[in-house]
Amino acid sequence: MGSFALLTALGAQIVLPTIPVPFTLQTFFVLLSGALLGPRK
């Protein structure tokens, strides 16, 4: 689980310059973490 936190922190530093709002990979890594971990049981 700690690796997902690390990916999220690193993804926040990677910016994809789109117009009008820049997009970071933080959102992608959060969604990827949720998809891989699944719902809590």
C-alpha atoms as a PDB file:
ATOM      1  CA  MET A   1       0.000   0.000   0.000  1.00  0.00           C
ATOM      2  CA  GLY A   2       2.892   2.345   0.643  1.00  0.00           C
ATOM      3  CA  SER A   3       3.957   2.042  -2.957  1.00  0.00           C
ATOM      4  CA  PHE A   4       0.638   3.533  -4.070  1.00  0.00           C
ATOM      5  CA  ALA A   5       1.250   6.542  -1.834  1.00  0.00           C
ATOM      6  CA  LEU A   6       4.699   6.924  -3.378  1.00  0.00           C
ATOM      7  CA  LEU A   7       3.270   6.716  -6.913  1.00  0.00           C
ATOM      8  CA  THR A   8       0.651   9.331  -6.034  1.00  0.00           C
ATOM      9  CA  ALA A   9       3.310  11.676  -4.649  1.00  0.00           C
ATOM     10  CA  LEU A  10       5.524  11.209  -7.700  1.00  0.00           C
ATOM     11  CA  GLY A  11       2.570  11.628 -10.047  1.00  0.00           C
ATOM     12  CA  ALA A  12       1.838  15.022  -8.523  1.00  0.00           C
ATOM     13  CA  GLN A  13       5.233  16.212  -9.765  1.00  0.00           C
ATOM     14  CA  ILE A  14       4.675  15.132 -13.392  1.00  0.00           C
ATOM     15  CA  VAL A  15       2.714  17.802 -15.267  1.00  0.00           C
ATOM     16  CA  LEU A  16       1.206  17.342 -18.714  1.00  0.00           C
ATOM     17  CA  PRO A  17       0.733  20.809 -20.213  1.00  0.00           C
ATOM     18  CA  THR A  18      -2.797  20.937 -21.598  1.00  0.00           C
ATOM     19  CA  ILE A  19      -4.896  23.977 -22.386  1.00  0.00           C
ATOM     20  CA  PRO A  20      -6.438  25.640 -20.336  1.00  0.00           C
ATOM     21  CA  VAL A  21      -5.673  23.596 -17.194  1.00  0.00           C
ATOM     22  CA  PRO A  22      -2.458  21.599 -16.710  1.00  0.00           C
ATOM     23  CA  PHE A  23      -3.029  17.920 -15.887  1.00  0.00           C
ATOM     24  CA  THR A  24      -0.915  15.899 -13.450  1.00  0.00           C
ATOM     25  CA  LEU A  25      -0.549  12.147 -13.301  1.00  0.00           C
ATOM     26  CA  GLN A  26      -1.660  12.214  -9.654  1.00  0.00           C
ATOM     27  CA  THR A  27      -5.279  11.681 -10.692  1.00  0.00           C
ATOM     28  CA  PHE A  28      -4.312   8.738 -12.893  1.00  0.00           C
ATOM     29  CA  PHE A  29      -2.341   7.053 -10.095  1.00  0.00           C
ATOM     30  CA  VAL A  30      -5.172   7.521  -7.580  1.00  0.00           C
ATOM     31  CA  LEU A  31      -7.641   5.895  -9.987  1.00  0.00           C
ATOM     32  CA  LEU A  32      -5.150   3.124 -10.786  1.00  0.00           C
ATOM     33  CA  SER A  33      -4.650   2.435  -7.075  1.00  0.00           C
ATOM     34  CA  GLY A  34      -8.391   2.167  -6.531  1.00  0.00           C
ATOM     35  CA  ALA A  35      -8.789  -0.173  -9.487  1.00  0.00           C
ATOM     36  CA  LEU A  36      -5.964  -2.464  -8.365  1.00  0.00           C
ATOM     37  CA  LEU A  37      -6.837  -2.527  -4.662  1.00  0.00           C
ATOM     38  CA  GLY A  38     -10.584  -2.870  -5.152  1.00  0.00           C
ATOM     39  CA  PRO A  39     -13.265  -2.097  -2.583  1.00  0.00           C
ATOM     40  CA  ARG A  40     -12.662  -2.685   1.108  1.00  0.00           C
ATOM     41  CA  LYS A  41     -14.115  -5.872   2.533  1.00  0.00           C
END
